[in-house]
């Protein structure tokens, strides 16, 4: 079973929450929407976040997070693309906007509202979302399309290159291969552990038999 990983050093998810999240992954792999929502809610609680689920277009276009208050507004979860959107917004809560790759830019929407955009934050939030859950092809294509809407946001060259790489389908294939290798290694380690357990059990049986034989010999000598 694949485990859930939160990599940011500023974030700690309890062992019980980790266990719950990991237990939901098999159902999520079967495209179980209720398991997806349970994953979102569990992760939300683990990250001390609040939320509103409202009607939105497929894929959660319009979803947003207020990092300062840790409040997320996202879509009613009806599609796996909606699940990806929730994971992305949660990713923002564990990705600090800091370091040389980050560059915030302020823009004004049609209604006159001011917004901050950072290409590095967007890329890293999607990358974190993919660490939590194996993305399906549809989820990845949605993530790539969403990230491309930031392609004209001014950012360092390295950040732009990383964002382009995040959008490339080779990234999805590499993630699947990486998870497959990890799962194979886990199965190998578990097989080795069970083999050692069987050997130890067999050794213990031999010891018991040897002890019985020694006691029987002692009785004969007496």
Protein backbone atom coordinates (compact mmCIF):
# COMPACT_ATOMS: atom_id res chain seq x y z
CA UNK A 1 0.00 0.00 0.00
CA UNK A 2 1.32 3.42 -0.93
CA UNK A 3 1.82 5.83 1.94
CA UNK A 4 0.99 9.52 2.04
CA UNK A 5 3.87 11.95 2.13
CA UNK A 6 3.96 15.52 3.38
CA UNK A 7 7.44 16.80 2.66
CA UNK A 8 7.46 20.40 3.85
CA UNK A 9 9.57 20.86 6.95
CA UNK A 10 7.09 23.35 8.45
CA UNK A 11 4.20 20.86 8.43
CA UNK A 12 3.58 17.90 10.70
CA UNK A 13 0.70 15.48 10.11
CA UNK A 14 -0.08 13.19 13.03
CA UNK A 15 0.51 9.47 12.75
CA UNK A 16 -3.22 8.76 13.09
CA UNK A 17 -4.05 11.18 10.26
CA UNK A 18 -1.30 9.62 8.12
CA UNK A 19 -2.78 6.18 8.75
CA UNK A 20 -6.28 7.35 7.80
CA UNK A 21 -5.04 9.04 4.62
CA UNK A 22 -3.05 5.98 3.59
CA UNK A 23 -6.01 3.67 4.23
CA UNK A 24 -8.11 5.70 1.78
CA UNK A 25 -5.70 5.35 -1.16
CA UNK A 26 -6.95 1.96 -2.45
CA UNK A 27 -10.53 3.28 -2.69
CA UNK A 28 -9.28 6.47 -4.33
CA UNK A 29 -7.46 4.34 -6.90
CA UNK A 30 -10.90 2.87 -7.73
CA UNK A 31 -12.22 6.43 -8.33
CA UNK A 32 -14.39 6.34 -5.22
CA UNK A 33 -15.58 9.95 -4.81
CA UNK A 34 -16.58 9.45 -1.17
CA UNK A 35 -13.04 8.27 -0.37
CA UNK A 36 -11.65 11.31 -2.20
CA UNK A 37 -13.77 13.64 -0.10
CA UNK A 38 -12.85 11.79 3.10
CA UNK A 39 -9.20 12.26 2.15
CA UNK A 40 -9.73 15.99 1.63
CA UNK A 41 -11.55 16.44 4.94
CA UNK A 42 -8.98 14.40 6.87
CA UNK A 43 -6.11 16.37 5.36
CA UNK A 44 -7.96 19.61 5.98
CA UNK A 45 -8.28 18.80 9.67
CA UNK A 46 -4.67 17.68 9.88
CA UNK A 47 -3.57 21.02 8.43
CA UNK A 48 -5.96 23.03 10.64
CA UNK A 49 -7.85 24.38 7.65
CA UNK A 50 -11.51 25.31 7.18
CA UNK A 51 -13.51 25.18 3.98
CA UNK A 52 -16.61 25.98 1.99
CA UNK A 53 -17.71 23.60 -0.76
CA UNK A 54 -19.74 25.45 -3.40
CA UNK A 55 -20.96 24.83 -6.93
CA UNK A 56 -18.17 25.50 -9.42
CA UNK A 57 -17.30 24.41 -12.96
CA UNK A 58 -15.73 20.97 -13.31
CA UNK A 59 -12.17 21.05 -12.02
CA UNK A 60 -12.81 23.72 -9.43
CA UNK A 61 -12.01 26.71 -11.62
CA UNK A 62 -12.50 29.54 -9.16
CA UNK A 63 -11.23 27.59 -6.14
CA UNK A 64 -9.09 29.68 -3.83
CA UNK A 65 -7.24 29.57 -0.54
CA UNK A 66 -6.63 32.31 2.00
CA UNK A 67 -3.30 31.19 3.42
CA UNK A 68 -3.41 33.69 6.30
CA UNK A 69 -6.71 32.32 7.63
CA UNK A 70 -6.20 28.78 6.27
CA UNK A 71 -9.62 28.83 4.63
CA UNK A 72 -10.33 27.15 1.29
CA UNK A 73 -13.27 27.66 -1.04
CA UNK A 74 -13.53 24.75 -3.42
CA UNK A 75 -15.98 22.79 -5.57
CA UNK A 76 -18.56 20.27 -4.48
CA UNK A 77 -16.62 17.12 -5.29
CA UNK A 78 -18.27 15.45 -8.27
CA UNK A 79 -15.28 14.63 -10.47
CA UNK A 80 -11.70 13.51 -9.95
CA UNK A 81 -10.61 16.86 -11.36
CA UNK A 82 -12.42 18.49 -8.43
CA UNK A 83 -10.36 16.28 -6.12
CA UNK A 84 -7.20 17.52 -7.79
CA UNK A 85 -8.31 21.12 -7.25
CA UNK A 86 -8.81 20.55 -3.51
CA UNK A 87 -5.40 18.90 -3.18
CA UNK A 88 -3.82 21.82 -5.02
CA UNK A 89 -5.36 24.41 -2.71
CA UNK A 90 -4.29 22.36 0.31
CA UNK A 91 -0.82 22.23 -1.20
CA UNK A 92 -0.60 26.00 -0.86
CA UNK A 93 -0.85 25.58 2.92
CA UNK A 94 2.37 23.58 3.06
CA UNK A 95 4.35 25.51 0.45
CA UNK A 96 5.79 28.73 1.88
CA UNK A 97 6.25 31.53 -0.63
CA UNK A 98 9.93 32.04 0.00
CA UNK A 99 13.27 31.48 -1.68
CA UNK A 100 14.96 32.60 -4.86
CA UNK A 101 12.54 30.77 -7.16
CA UNK A 102 9.55 32.72 -5.85
CA UNK A 103 8.43 36.07 -7.22
CA UNK A 104 5.00 37.43 -6.33
CA UNK A 105 3.21 39.61 -8.83
CA UNK A 106 0.06 41.62 -8.09
CA UNK A 107 -2.68 41.78 -10.71
CA UNK A 108 -6.13 43.35 -10.84
CA UNK A 109 -9.16 41.38 -12.00
CA UNK A 110 -12.06 42.71 -14.07
CA UNK A 111 -13.92 43.67 -10.91
CA UNK A 112 -10.99 45.71 -9.66
CA UNK A 113 -9.84 43.23 -7.03
CA UNK A 114 -6.14 42.81 -6.34
CA UNK A 115 -4.55 39.34 -6.34
CA UNK A 116 -1.08 37.96 -5.81
CA UNK A 117 0.34 35.39 -8.22
CA UNK A 118 3.51 33.37 -7.85
CA UNK A 119 4.41 30.79 -10.48
CA UNK A 120 6.70 28.92 -8.09
CA UNK A 121 3.91 28.61 -5.50
CA UNK A 122 1.51 27.28 -8.11
CA UNK A 123 3.99 24.72 -9.40
CA UNK A 124 4.98 23.56 -5.92
CA UNK A 125 1.36 23.30 -4.78
CA UNK A 126 0.60 21.00 -7.73
CA UNK A 127 3.77 19.01 -7.04
CA UNK A 128 2.71 18.59 -3.40
CA UNK A 129 -0.74 17.46 -4.49
CA UNK A 130 0.87 14.74 -6.60
CA UNK A 131 2.96 13.62 -3.63
CA UNK A 132 -0.17 13.07 -1.58
CA UNK A 133 -2.08 11.04 -4.17
CA UNK A 134 -1.23 9.20 -7.40
CA UNK A 135 -2.83 11.41 -10.05
CA UNK A 136 -4.86 9.83 -12.81
CA UNK A 137 -4.20 11.00 -16.35
CA UNK A 138 -7.31 13.19 -16.21
CA UNK A 139 -6.20 14.77 -12.92
CA UNK A 140 -2.73 15.45 -14.30
CA UNK A 141 -4.05 16.95 -17.53
CA UNK A 142 -6.28 19.23 -15.46
CA UNK A 143 -3.34 20.26 -13.27
CA UNK A 144 -1.18 20.99 -16.32
CA UNK A 145 -3.91 23.08 -17.93
CA UNK A 146 -4.41 25.06 -14.72
CA UNK A 147 -0.68 25.68 -14.30
CA UNK A 148 -0.35 26.86 -17.90
CA UNK A 149 -2.73 29.73 -17.12
CA UNK A 150 0.16 31.18 -15.08
CA UNK A 151 2.71 30.89 -17.87
CA UNK A 152 2.79 34.65 -18.47
CA UNK A 153 3.35 35.46 -14.79
CA UNK A 154 6.84 37.00 -14.50
CA UNK A 155 9.21 34.60 -12.75
CA UNK A 156 12.87 33.57 -12.71
CA UNK A 157 13.95 31.50 -15.70
CA UNK A 158 14.53 28.41 -13.56
CA UNK A 159 11.01 28.68 -12.16
CA UNK A 160 9.58 28.86 -15.67
CA UNK A 161 11.56 25.79 -16.69
CA UNK A 162 10.37 23.87 -13.64
CA UNK A 163 6.78 24.86 -14.37
CA UNK A 164 7.11 23.69 -17.97
CA UNK A 165 8.52 20.40 -16.70
CA UNK A 166 5.63 20.04 -14.24
CA UNK A 167 3.18 20.39 -17.13
CA UNK A 168 4.93 17.83 -19.33
CA UNK A 169 3.32 14.39 -19.49
CA UNK A 170 6.70 12.79 -18.88
CA UNK A 171 6.28 14.06 -15.30
CA UNK A 172 3.12 11.98 -14.92
CA UNK A 173 4.81 8.88 -16.35
CA UNK A 174 7.84 9.36 -14.11
CA UNK A 175 5.60 9.69 -11.06
CA UNK A 176 3.82 6.44 -11.93
CA UNK A 177 7.14 4.66 -12.44
CA UNK A 178 8.53 6.03 -9.18
CA UNK A 179 5.48 4.83 -7.26
CA UNK A 180 5.65 1.43 -8.95
CA UNK A 181 9.31 1.06 -7.95
CA UNK A 182 8.54 2.07 -4.37
CA UNK A 183 5.66 -0.37 -4.19
CA UNK A 184 7.85 -3.16 -5.57
CA UNK A 185 10.51 -2.37 -2.99
CA UNK A 186 7.93 -2.41 -0.20
CA UNK A 187 6.71 -5.81 -1.36
CA UNK A 188 10.29 -7.11 -1.49
CA UNK A 189 10.99 -5.83 2.03
CA UNK A 190 7.75 -7.38 3.31
CA UNK A 191 8.60 -10.71 1.64
CA UNK A 192 12.05 -10.63 3.26
CA UNK A 193 10.49 -9.84 6.63
CA UNK A 194 8.03 -12.73 6.37
CA UNK A 195 10.85 -15.04 5.33
CA UNK A 196 12.85 -14.05 8.42
CA UNK A 197 9.81 -14.56 10.61
CA UNK A 198 9.33 -18.07 9.22
CA UNK A 199 13.01 -18.85 9.74
CA UNK A 200 12.87 -17.60 13.33
CA UNK A 201 9.73 -19.66 13.97
CA UNK A 202 11.40 -22.75 12.54
CA UNK A 203 14.50 -22.12 14.66
CA UNK A 204 12.36 -21.79 17.76
CA UNK A 205 10.65 -25.10 16.99
CA UNK A 206 14.05 -26.76 16.63
CA UNK A 207 15.11 -25.33 20.00
CA UNK A 208 11.97 -26.66 21.67
CA UNK A 209 12.58 -30.10 20.19
CA UNK A 210 16.23 -30.01 21.30
CA UNK A 211 15.16 -29.01 24.81
CA UNK A 212 12.64 -31.89 24.86
CA UNK A 213 15.34 -34.31 23.71
CA UNK A 214 17.75 -33.09 26.41
CA UNK A 215 15.12 -33.48 29.12
CA UNK A 216 14.29 -36.98 27.89
CA UNK A 217 17.99 -37.88 27.95
CA UNK A 218 18.36 -36.50 31.47
CA UNK A 219 15.44 -38.68 32.64
CA UNK A 220 17.02 -41.76 31.12
CA UNK A 221 20.35 -41.02 32.85
CA UNK A 222 18.59 -40.54 36.16
